[in-house]
Amino acid sequence: MKERIIAIEARKFVYTPNEITVKKDETVVLAFTAVDFIHGFFIPDMNIRADLKPGQVTEVRLTPGKAGEYAFLCDNFCGSGHEEMNGKIIVTD
């Protein structure tokens, strides 16, 4: 089965899109493009993190095994709007 690729742009101080819906046990590839800074991507509840470097695509592969909502955030301080840089992954049954 082909993995679904979800393109996400990271820029001060937002991920676009910042809400992603996937199915439980579906493997997806989050393909990040950072525009202006080395942003971070961190899902605390899944213990997944990556540095997102400008000018290159960073792929994060995940297969959520449990339905629910999982917050993600930028964990590289990127300026005064940094705390607002977050989103959520919604995992459905």
N, C-alpha and C. Protein backbone atom coordinates (compact mmCIF):
# COMPACT_ATOMS: atom_id res chain seq x y z
N MET A 1 0.84 -1.19 0.00
CA MET A 1 0.00 0.00 0.00
C MET A 1 0.88 1.25 0.00
N LYS A 2 0.51 2.22 -0.82
CA LYS A 2 1.31 3.43 -0.93
C LYS A 2 1.05 4.33 0.28
N GLU A 3 2.14 4.85 0.81
CA GLU A 3 2.01 5.76 1.95
C GLU A 3 1.46 7.10 1.49
N ARG A 4 0.61 7.67 2.31
CA ARG A 4 0.07 9.00 2.01
C ARG A 4 1.09 10.04 2.46
N ILE A 5 1.37 11.00 1.59
CA ILE A 5 2.31 12.07 1.90
C ILE A 5 1.52 13.35 2.15
N ILE A 6 1.80 13.98 3.28
CA ILE A 6 1.12 15.23 3.64
C ILE A 6 2.19 16.32 3.69
N ALA A 7 2.06 17.29 2.79
CA ALA A 7 3.02 18.41 2.75
C ALA A 7 2.65 19.44 3.81
N ILE A 8 3.65 19.87 4.58
CA ILE A 8 3.44 20.85 5.64
C ILE A 8 4.52 21.92 5.53
N GLU A 9 4.10 23.17 5.58
CA GLU A 9 5.06 24.26 5.55
C GLU A 9 5.24 24.79 6.97
N ALA A 10 6.49 25.02 7.36
CA ALA A 10 6.80 25.59 8.67
C ALA A 10 7.43 26.97 8.46
N ARG A 11 6.81 27.98 9.06
CA ARG A 11 7.38 29.33 9.02
C ARG A 11 6.99 30.03 10.32
N LYS A 12 7.76 31.06 10.67
CA LYS A 12 7.41 31.79 11.89
C LYS A 12 5.99 32.31 11.75
N PHE A 13 5.08 32.00 12.54
CA PHE A 13 5.06 31.14 13.71
C PHE A 13 3.90 30.16 13.52
N VAL A 14 3.93 29.48 12.38
CA VAL A 14 2.78 28.65 12.03
C VAL A 14 3.19 27.44 11.18
N TYR A 15 2.46 26.35 11.38
CA TYR A 15 2.52 25.20 10.47
C TYR A 15 1.30 25.30 9.56
N THR A 16 1.48 25.06 8.28
CA THR A 16 0.35 25.05 7.34
C THR A 16 0.35 23.73 6.58
N PRO A 17 -0.65 22.87 6.74
CA PRO A 17 -1.77 23.00 7.68
C PRO A 17 -1.33 22.69 9.10
N ASN A 18 -2.12 23.13 10.08
CA ASN A 18 -1.77 22.85 11.48
C ASN A 18 -2.73 21.84 12.11
N GLU A 19 -3.60 21.27 11.28
CA GLU A 19 -4.47 20.20 11.75
C GLU A 19 -4.47 19.10 10.68
N ILE A 20 -4.11 17.90 11.11
CA ILE A 20 -3.95 16.78 10.18
C ILE A 20 -4.79 15.62 10.71
N THR A 21 -5.58 15.02 9.82
CA THR A 21 -6.39 13.87 10.22
C THR A 21 -5.87 12.62 9.51
N VAL A 22 -5.61 11.59 10.30
CA VAL A 22 -5.15 10.31 9.76
C VAL A 22 -5.97 9.19 10.41
N LYS A 23 -5.93 8.03 9.78
CA LYS A 23 -6.62 6.87 10.35
C LYS A 23 -5.65 6.10 11.24
N LYS A 24 -6.21 5.46 12.25
CA LYS A 24 -5.42 4.59 13.11
C LYS A 24 -4.75 3.52 12.25
N ASP A 25 -3.50 3.23 12.53
CA ASP A 25 -2.69 2.23 11.83
C ASP A 25 -2.37 2.59 10.37
N GLU A 26 -2.69 3.82 9.95
CA GLU A 26 -2.32 4.28 8.61
C GLU A 26 -0.92 4.91 8.69
N THR A 27 -0.03 4.48 7.81
CA THR A 27 1.29 5.09 7.77
C THR A 27 1.24 6.31 6.87
N VAL A 28 1.65 7.44 7.42
CA VAL A 28 1.70 8.68 6.64
C VAL A 28 3.11 9.25 6.72
N VAL A 29 3.46 10.01 5.70
CA VAL A 29 4.74 10.70 5.69
C VAL A 29 4.43 12.19 5.74
N LEU A 30 4.88 12.85 6.81
CA LEU A 30 4.74 14.30 6.91
C LEU A 30 5.98 14.89 6.24
N ALA A 31 5.76 15.62 5.15
CA ALA A 31 6.88 16.19 4.37
C ALA A 31 6.94 17.68 4.67
N PHE A 32 7.88 18.04 5.55
CA PHE A 32 8.00 19.43 6.01
C PHE A 32 8.94 20.23 5.13
N THR A 33 8.54 21.47 4.88
CA THR A 33 9.43 22.45 4.26
C THR A 33 9.48 23.65 5.19
N ALA A 34 10.66 23.93 5.73
CA ALA A 34 10.84 25.12 6.56
C ALA A 34 11.21 26.28 5.64
N VAL A 35 10.59 27.43 5.88
CA VAL A 35 10.78 28.56 4.98
C VAL A 35 11.88 29.49 5.46
N ASP A 36 11.95 29.75 6.78
CA ASP A 36 12.73 30.89 7.24
C ASP A 36 13.67 30.62 8.40
N PHE A 37 13.73 29.38 8.91
CA PHE A 37 14.44 29.14 10.16
C PHE A 37 14.53 27.63 10.33
N ILE A 38 15.45 27.17 11.18
CA ILE A 38 15.46 25.74 11.54
C ILE A 38 14.41 25.56 12.62
N HIS A 39 13.21 25.20 12.19
CA HIS A 39 12.14 24.95 13.15
C HIS A 39 12.27 23.52 13.66
N GLY A 40 11.58 23.26 14.74
CA GLY A 40 11.52 21.91 15.26
C GLY A 40 10.13 21.36 15.06
N PHE A 41 10.01 20.05 15.12
CA PHE A 41 8.71 19.39 15.09
C PHE A 41 8.75 18.33 16.18
N PHE A 42 7.79 18.40 17.10
CA PHE A 42 7.81 17.48 18.24
C PHE A 42 6.38 17.08 18.58
N ILE A 43 6.15 15.76 18.65
CA ILE A 43 4.87 15.22 19.14
C ILE A 43 5.19 14.53 20.47
N PRO A 44 4.99 15.23 21.59
CA PRO A 44 5.37 14.64 22.89
C PRO A 44 4.76 13.27 23.16
N ASP A 45 3.46 13.10 22.84
CA ASP A 45 2.78 11.84 23.16
C ASP A 45 3.25 10.66 22.31
N MET A 46 3.93 10.95 21.20
CA MET A 46 4.45 9.87 20.34
C MET A 46 5.97 9.78 20.39
N ASN A 47 6.57 10.71 21.13
CA ASN A 47 8.03 10.77 21.25
C ASN A 47 8.70 10.83 19.87
N ILE A 48 8.15 11.68 19.00
CA ILE A 48 8.69 11.87 17.66
C ILE A 48 9.15 13.31 17.54
N ARG A 49 10.40 13.52 17.08
CA ARG A 49 10.86 14.89 16.86
C ARG A 49 11.81 14.94 15.68
N ALA A 50 11.91 16.13 15.10
CA ALA A 50 12.81 16.34 13.97
C ALA A 50 13.16 17.82 13.88
N ASP A 51 14.35 18.09 13.35
CA ASP A 51 14.73 19.45 12.98
C ASP A 51 14.32 19.68 11.54
N LEU A 52 13.71 20.83 11.29
CA LEU A 52 13.23 21.17 9.94
C LEU A 52 14.13 22.27 9.40
N LYS A 53 15.02 21.90 8.48
CA LYS A 53 15.99 22.86 7.96
C LYS A 53 15.46 23.55 6.71
N PRO A 54 15.66 24.87 6.61
CA PRO A 54 15.21 25.58 5.42
C PRO A 54 15.86 25.04 4.16
N GLY A 55 15.11 25.06 3.07
CA GLY A 55 15.67 24.67 1.78
C GLY A 55 15.72 23.18 1.52
N GLN A 56 15.20 22.38 2.44
CA GLN A 56 15.16 20.94 2.19
C GLN A 56 13.88 20.37 2.78
N VAL A 57 13.45 19.25 2.22
CA VAL A 57 12.25 18.59 2.72
C VAL A 57 12.68 17.59 3.80
N THR A 58 12.03 17.68 4.95
CA THR A 58 12.29 16.75 6.05
C THR A 58 11.08 15.83 6.16
N GLU A 59 11.31 14.54 6.02
CA GLU A 59 10.20 13.58 6.09
C GLU A 59 10.14 12.93 7.46
N VAL A 60 8.94 12.93 8.02
CA VAL A 60 8.69 12.27 9.30
C VAL A 60 7.59 11.24 9.04
N ARG A 61 7.92 9.98 9.27
CA ARG A 61 6.98 8.88 9.01
C ARG A 61 6.34 8.48 10.34
N LEU A 62 5.02 8.32 10.33
CA LEU A 62 4.38 7.86 11.55
C LEU A 62 3.20 6.96 11.24
N THR A 63 2.97 6.04 12.17
CA THR A 63 1.84 5.10 12.07
C THR A 63 1.18 5.09 13.44
N PRO A 64 0.19 5.97 13.65
CA PRO A 64 -0.43 6.02 14.98
C PRO A 64 -1.23 4.76 15.27
N GLY A 65 -1.01 4.18 16.43
CA GLY A 65 -1.68 2.94 16.79
C GLY A 65 -2.91 3.12 17.66
N LYS A 66 -3.23 4.38 17.98
CA LYS A 66 -4.32 4.64 18.89
C LYS A 66 -5.07 5.89 18.46
N ALA A 67 -6.41 5.82 18.43
CA ALA A 67 -7.21 6.99 18.08
C ALA A 67 -7.08 8.06 19.16
N GLY A 68 -7.23 9.31 18.75
CA GLY A 68 -7.16 10.41 19.71
C GLY A 68 -6.61 11.66 19.04
N GLU A 69 -6.36 12.68 19.86
CA GLU A 69 -5.76 13.91 19.37
C GLU A 69 -4.38 14.05 19.98
N TYR A 70 -3.42 14.37 19.12
CA TYR A 70 -2.04 14.49 19.55
C TYR A 70 -1.51 15.87 19.16
N ALA A 71 -1.07 16.61 20.16
CA ALA A 71 -0.54 17.95 19.90
C ALA A 71 0.87 17.84 19.35
N PHE A 72 1.21 18.77 18.44
CA PHE A 72 2.60 18.90 18.02
C PHE A 72 3.01 20.36 18.12
N LEU A 73 4.31 20.60 18.21
CA LEU A 73 4.79 21.95 18.43
C LEU A 73 6.20 22.13 17.88
N CYS A 74 6.58 23.38 17.76
CA CYS A 74 7.96 23.72 17.39
C CYS A 74 8.77 23.75 18.68
N ASP A 75 9.86 22.99 18.74
CA ASP A 75 10.67 22.98 19.95
C ASP A 75 12.04 23.62 19.74
N ASN A 76 12.19 24.38 18.67
CA ASN A 76 13.37 25.23 18.47
C ASN A 76 12.88 26.67 18.58
N PHE A 77 13.36 27.39 19.57
CA PHE A 77 12.86 28.76 19.80
C PHE A 77 13.08 29.60 18.55
N CYS A 78 11.98 30.17 18.01
CA CYS A 78 12.07 30.87 16.74
C CYS A 78 11.63 32.33 16.83
N GLY A 79 11.49 32.87 18.04
CA GLY A 79 11.12 34.27 18.19
C GLY A 79 9.91 34.46 19.08
N SER A 80 9.39 35.68 19.09
CA SER A 80 8.37 36.05 20.08
C SER A 80 7.01 35.41 19.85
N GLY A 81 6.75 34.82 18.68
CA GLY A 81 5.48 34.12 18.46
C GLY A 81 5.63 32.62 18.58
N HIS A 82 6.79 32.18 19.03
CA HIS A 82 7.15 30.76 19.08
C HIS A 82 6.10 29.90 19.81
N GLU A 83 5.57 30.40 20.93
CA GLU A 83 4.63 29.60 21.73
C GLU A 83 3.36 29.28 20.96
N GLU A 84 3.05 30.08 19.94
CA GLU A 84 1.83 29.86 19.15
C GLU A 84 2.03 28.82 18.05
N MET A 85 3.26 28.40 17.83
CA MET A 85 3.57 27.51 16.70
C MET A 85 3.29 26.07 17.10
N ASN A 86 2.06 25.64 16.84
CA ASN A 86 1.67 24.29 17.22
C ASN A 86 0.52 23.82 16.34
N GLY A 87 0.09 22.61 16.58
CA GLY A 87 -1.01 22.05 15.81
C GLY A 87 -1.43 20.73 16.41
N LYS A 88 -2.26 20.00 15.68
CA LYS A 88 -2.68 18.71 16.21
C LYS A 88 -2.89 17.69 15.11
N ILE A 89 -2.65 16.47 15.48
CA ILE A 89 -2.91 15.33 14.60
C ILE A 89 -4.11 14.61 15.20
N ILE A 90 -5.14 14.46 14.38
CA ILE A 90 -6.35 13.78 14.82
C ILE A 90 -6.33 12.37 14.22
N VAL A 91 -6.35 11.37 15.09
CA VAL A 91 -6.31 9.97 14.64
C VAL A 91 -7.70 9.38 14.83
N THR A 92 -8.29 8.91 13.73
CA THR A 92 -9.64 8.35 13.78
C THR A 92 -9.58 6.82 13.65
N ASP A 93 -10.60 6.16 14.16
CA ASP A 93 -10.67 4.69 14.07
C ASP A 93 -10.94 4.24 12.65
